[in-house]
Amino acid sequence: MRELPKNIDADLVIEISQLLDDHPHLVPVPIHQLTVLVRQRVKTGLPDRSIEELIVEMATTRQLALAFDLPGEGNVVRLPVRR
């Protein structure tokens, strides 16, 4: 893993790490929803974009699938499931 910038709290990295470790491996990680959850649990001055970038980097290191969900309900275009 790369060297983290000085403005990233260790608590933030630990919280994201725990959430990703507990996330089911076959379910894509919803980036925006996880960002909201992290922001509720950890007090940080980082903008959402920086938290999202950190989540993406940490999830890809764990080889987890990602879901780039949009803020708000109903904004996500559902892909049809092939049967």
N, C-alpha and C. Protein backbone atom coordinates (compact mmCIF):
# COMPACT_ATOMS: atom_id res chain seq x y z
N MET A 1 0.85 -1.18 0.00
CA MET A 1 0.00 0.00 0.00
C MET A 1 0.89 1.24 0.00
N ARG A 2 0.39 2.28 -0.59
CA ARG A 2 1.18 3.50 -0.72
C ARG A 2 1.25 4.27 0.60
N GLU A 3 2.17 5.20 0.68
CA GLU A 3 2.29 6.10 1.84
C GLU A 3 1.09 7.03 1.86
N LEU A 4 0.43 7.12 3.01
CA LEU A 4 -0.77 7.95 3.12
C LEU A 4 -0.42 9.42 3.36
N PRO A 5 -1.21 10.34 2.81
CA PRO A 5 -0.99 11.76 3.08
C PRO A 5 -1.17 12.06 4.57
N LYS A 6 -0.60 13.14 5.02
CA LYS A 6 -0.63 13.51 6.44
C LYS A 6 -2.04 13.84 6.94
N ASN A 7 -2.94 14.28 6.05
CA ASN A 7 -4.27 14.71 6.50
C ASN A 7 -5.27 13.56 6.65
N ILE A 8 -4.86 12.32 6.45
CA ILE A 8 -5.75 11.18 6.62
C ILE A 8 -5.56 10.60 8.00
N ASP A 9 -6.67 10.52 8.75
CA ASP A 9 -6.63 9.97 10.10
C ASP A 9 -6.45 8.46 10.07
N ALA A 10 -5.71 7.95 11.02
CA ALA A 10 -5.55 6.50 11.16
C ALA A 10 -6.91 5.87 11.48
N ASP A 11 -7.74 6.57 12.27
CA ASP A 11 -9.07 6.06 12.62
C ASP A 11 -9.92 5.83 11.37
N LEU A 12 -9.77 6.72 10.39
CA LEU A 12 -10.51 6.61 9.14
C LEU A 12 -10.08 5.36 8.39
N VAL A 13 -8.79 5.15 8.28
CA VAL A 13 -8.25 3.98 7.58
C VAL A 13 -8.68 2.69 8.29
N ILE A 14 -8.63 2.69 9.61
CA ILE A 14 -9.02 1.51 10.38
C ILE A 14 -10.50 1.20 10.19
N GLU A 15 -11.35 2.23 10.21
CA GLU A 15 -12.79 2.03 10.04
C GLU A 15 -13.10 1.48 8.66
N ILE A 16 -12.51 2.06 7.62
CA ILE A 16 -12.73 1.56 6.26
C ILE A 16 -12.25 0.12 6.15
N SER A 17 -11.10 -0.16 6.72
CA SER A 17 -10.54 -1.51 6.68
C SER A 17 -11.49 -2.52 7.33
N GLN A 18 -12.04 -2.17 8.48
CA GLN A 18 -12.97 -3.08 9.17
C GLN A 18 -14.24 -3.29 8.35
N LEU A 19 -14.78 -2.22 7.78
CA LEU A 19 -15.99 -2.34 6.98
C LEU A 19 -15.76 -3.21 5.74
N LEU A 20 -14.61 -3.04 5.10
CA LEU A 20 -14.30 -3.85 3.92
C LEU A 20 -14.04 -5.31 4.29
N ASP A 21 -13.38 -5.53 5.42
CA ASP A 21 -13.13 -6.91 5.85
C ASP A 21 -14.43 -7.63 6.18
N ASP A 22 -15.42 -6.91 6.69
CA ASP A 22 -16.71 -7.50 7.05
C ASP A 22 -17.67 -7.61 5.86
N HIS A 23 -17.33 -6.96 4.75
CA HIS A 23 -18.22 -6.94 3.58
C HIS A 23 -18.17 -8.29 2.86
N PRO A 24 -19.34 -8.80 2.45
CA PRO A 24 -19.36 -10.06 1.70
C PRO A 24 -18.56 -9.94 0.40
N HIS A 25 -17.75 -10.94 0.11
CA HIS A 25 -16.85 -10.87 -1.06
C HIS A 25 -17.58 -10.92 -2.40
N LEU A 26 -18.75 -11.50 -2.45
CA LEU A 26 -19.46 -11.62 -3.71
C LEU A 26 -20.39 -10.46 -4.01
N VAL A 27 -20.51 -9.53 -3.06
CA VAL A 27 -21.38 -8.37 -3.23
C VAL A 27 -20.51 -7.14 -3.49
N PRO A 28 -20.80 -6.38 -4.57
CA PRO A 28 -20.00 -5.19 -4.83
C PRO A 28 -20.09 -4.17 -3.69
N VAL A 29 -18.99 -3.50 -3.43
CA VAL A 29 -18.92 -2.49 -2.38
C VAL A 29 -19.56 -1.20 -2.91
N PRO A 30 -20.65 -0.72 -2.29
CA PRO A 30 -21.28 0.53 -2.73
C PRO A 30 -20.47 1.72 -2.20
N ILE A 31 -19.72 2.35 -3.06
CA ILE A 31 -18.76 3.38 -2.67
C ILE A 31 -19.42 4.53 -1.93
N HIS A 32 -20.49 5.11 -2.50
CA HIS A 32 -21.12 6.27 -1.87
C HIS A 32 -21.74 5.91 -0.53
N GLN A 33 -22.44 4.79 -0.46
CA GLN A 33 -23.07 4.38 0.80
C GLN A 33 -22.03 4.14 1.88
N LEU A 34 -20.92 3.53 1.50
CA LEU A 34 -19.85 3.28 2.48
C LEU A 34 -19.23 4.60 2.94
N THR A 35 -19.12 5.57 2.05
CA THR A 35 -18.59 6.89 2.40
C THR A 35 -19.48 7.56 3.44
N VAL A 36 -20.78 7.49 3.24
CA VAL A 36 -21.74 8.07 4.19
C VAL A 36 -21.62 7.39 5.55
N LEU A 37 -21.51 6.07 5.54
CA LEU A 37 -21.39 5.31 6.77
C LEU A 37 -20.10 5.65 7.52
N VAL A 38 -19.00 5.76 6.79
CA VAL A 38 -17.71 6.11 7.39
C VAL A 38 -17.78 7.51 7.99
N ARG A 39 -18.39 8.44 7.27
CA ARG A 39 -18.50 9.82 7.76
C ARG A 39 -19.32 9.87 9.05
N GLN A 40 -20.33 9.02 9.19
CA GLN A 40 -21.14 8.98 10.40
C GLN A 40 -20.36 8.41 11.58
N ARG A 41 -19.45 7.50 11.31
CA ARG A 41 -18.72 6.82 12.38
C ARG A 41 -17.42 7.51 12.79
N VAL A 42 -16.78 8.21 11.85
CA VAL A 42 -15.48 8.83 12.12
C VAL A 42 -15.55 10.31 11.81
N LYS A 43 -15.07 11.12 12.73
CA LYS A 43 -15.03 12.57 12.51
C LYS A 43 -13.74 12.89 11.75
N THR A 44 -13.90 13.46 10.56
CA THR A 44 -12.74 13.79 9.73
C THR A 44 -13.03 15.05 8.91
N GLY A 45 -11.99 15.75 8.58
CA GLY A 45 -12.12 16.95 7.76
C GLY A 45 -11.95 16.67 6.27
N LEU A 46 -11.74 15.42 5.91
CA LEU A 46 -11.57 15.07 4.51
C LEU A 46 -12.87 15.21 3.74
N PRO A 47 -12.81 15.67 2.49
CA PRO A 47 -14.02 15.71 1.67
C PRO A 47 -14.44 14.30 1.26
N ASP A 48 -15.70 14.16 0.87
CA ASP A 48 -16.22 12.85 0.46
C ASP A 48 -15.39 12.23 -0.66
N ARG A 49 -14.96 13.04 -1.59
CA ARG A 49 -14.18 12.51 -2.73
C ARG A 49 -12.91 11.82 -2.26
N SER A 50 -12.22 12.39 -1.29
CA SER A 50 -11.00 11.79 -0.77
C SER A 50 -11.30 10.47 -0.05
N ILE A 51 -12.40 10.44 0.69
CA ILE A 51 -12.80 9.21 1.37
C ILE A 51 -13.16 8.14 0.34
N GLU A 52 -13.87 8.54 -0.71
CA GLU A 52 -14.23 7.60 -1.77
C GLU A 52 -12.99 7.04 -2.46
N GLU A 53 -12.01 7.89 -2.73
CA GLU A 53 -10.77 7.42 -3.36
C GLU A 53 -10.05 6.42 -2.47
N LEU A 54 -10.05 6.68 -1.18
CA LEU A 54 -9.41 5.77 -0.24
C LEU A 54 -10.15 4.43 -0.19
N ILE A 55 -11.47 4.47 -0.19
CA ILE A 55 -12.27 3.25 -0.20
C ILE A 55 -11.98 2.44 -1.47
N VAL A 56 -11.96 3.11 -2.61
CA VAL A 56 -11.69 2.42 -3.88
C VAL A 56 -10.31 1.77 -3.84
N GLU A 57 -9.31 2.49 -3.39
CA GLU A 57 -7.96 1.95 -3.34
C GLU A 57 -7.88 0.74 -2.40
N MET A 58 -8.50 0.85 -1.24
CA MET A 58 -8.45 -0.24 -0.26
C MET A 58 -9.27 -1.45 -0.73
N ALA A 59 -10.39 -1.20 -1.41
CA ALA A 59 -11.22 -2.30 -1.91
C ALA A 59 -10.53 -3.02 -3.06
N THR A 60 -9.88 -2.29 -3.94
CA THR A 60 -9.19 -2.93 -5.06
C THR A 60 -8.00 -3.75 -4.58
N THR A 61 -7.36 -3.30 -3.52
CA THR A 61 -6.26 -4.08 -2.93
C THR A 61 -6.77 -5.42 -2.44
N ARG A 62 -8.01 -5.44 -1.95
CA ARG A 62 -8.63 -6.68 -1.46
C ARG A 62 -9.33 -7.44 -2.58
N GLN A 63 -9.25 -6.93 -3.79
CA GLN A 63 -9.88 -7.52 -4.98
C GLN A 63 -11.40 -7.66 -4.83
N LEU A 64 -12.02 -6.64 -4.24
CA LEU A 64 -13.47 -6.61 -4.08
C LEU A 64 -14.09 -5.89 -5.28
N ALA A 65 -15.27 -6.33 -5.68
CA ALA A 65 -16.00 -5.65 -6.74
C ALA A 65 -16.52 -4.32 -6.20
N LEU A 66 -16.64 -3.33 -7.07
CA LEU A 66 -17.08 -2.00 -6.66
C LEU A 66 -18.38 -1.62 -7.35
N ALA A 67 -19.24 -0.91 -6.63
CA ALA A 67 -20.47 -0.35 -7.19
C ALA A 67 -20.38 1.15 -7.03
N PHE A 68 -20.27 1.84 -8.15
CA PHE A 68 -20.17 3.30 -8.10
C PHE A 68 -21.57 3.89 -8.10
N ASP A 69 -22.22 3.80 -6.92
CA ASP A 69 -23.57 4.29 -6.74
C ASP A 69 -23.58 5.80 -6.67
N LEU A 70 -24.69 6.39 -7.04
CA LEU A 70 -24.83 7.84 -7.01
C LEU A 70 -25.54 8.25 -5.73
N PRO A 71 -25.25 9.47 -5.23
CA PRO A 71 -25.96 9.94 -4.03
C PRO A 71 -27.46 10.05 -4.28
N GLY A 72 -28.23 9.77 -3.25
CA GLY A 72 -29.69 9.89 -3.36
C GLY A 72 -30.31 8.59 -3.85
N GLU A 73 -31.55 8.41 -3.53
CA GLU A 73 -32.25 7.20 -3.95
C GLU A 73 -32.85 7.39 -5.33
N GLY A 74 -32.89 6.34 -6.09
CA GLY A 74 -33.50 6.38 -7.41
C GLY A 74 -32.58 6.89 -8.49
N ASN A 75 -31.34 7.25 -8.16
CA ASN A 75 -30.42 7.78 -9.16
C ASN A 75 -29.60 6.71 -9.85
N VAL A 76 -29.64 5.50 -9.35
CA VAL A 76 -28.83 4.44 -9.89
C VAL A 76 -29.60 3.71 -10.98
N VAL A 77 -28.95 3.55 -12.12
CA VAL A 77 -29.56 2.81 -13.22
C VAL A 77 -29.30 1.34 -12.97
N ARG A 78 -30.37 0.57 -12.86
CA ARG A 78 -30.25 -0.87 -12.62
C ARG A 78 -29.97 -1.58 -13.93
N LEU A 79 -28.99 -2.46 -13.91
CA LEU A 79 -28.69 -3.25 -15.08
C LEU A 79 -29.58 -4.48 -15.07
N PRO A 80 -30.10 -4.86 -16.23
CA PRO A 80 -30.95 -6.05 -16.27
C PRO A 80 -30.13 -7.30 -15.94
N VAL A 81 -30.76 -8.23 -15.27
CA VAL A 81 -30.09 -9.49 -14.94
C VAL A 81 -30.37 -10.48 -16.04
N ARG A 82 -29.31 -11.09 -16.54
CA ARG A 82 -29.45 -12.10 -17.59
C ARG A 82 -29.91 -13.40 -16.97
N ARG A 83 -30.87 -14.03 -17.58
CA ARG A 83 -31.36 -15.31 -17.06
C ARG A 83 -31.32 -16.34 -18.13
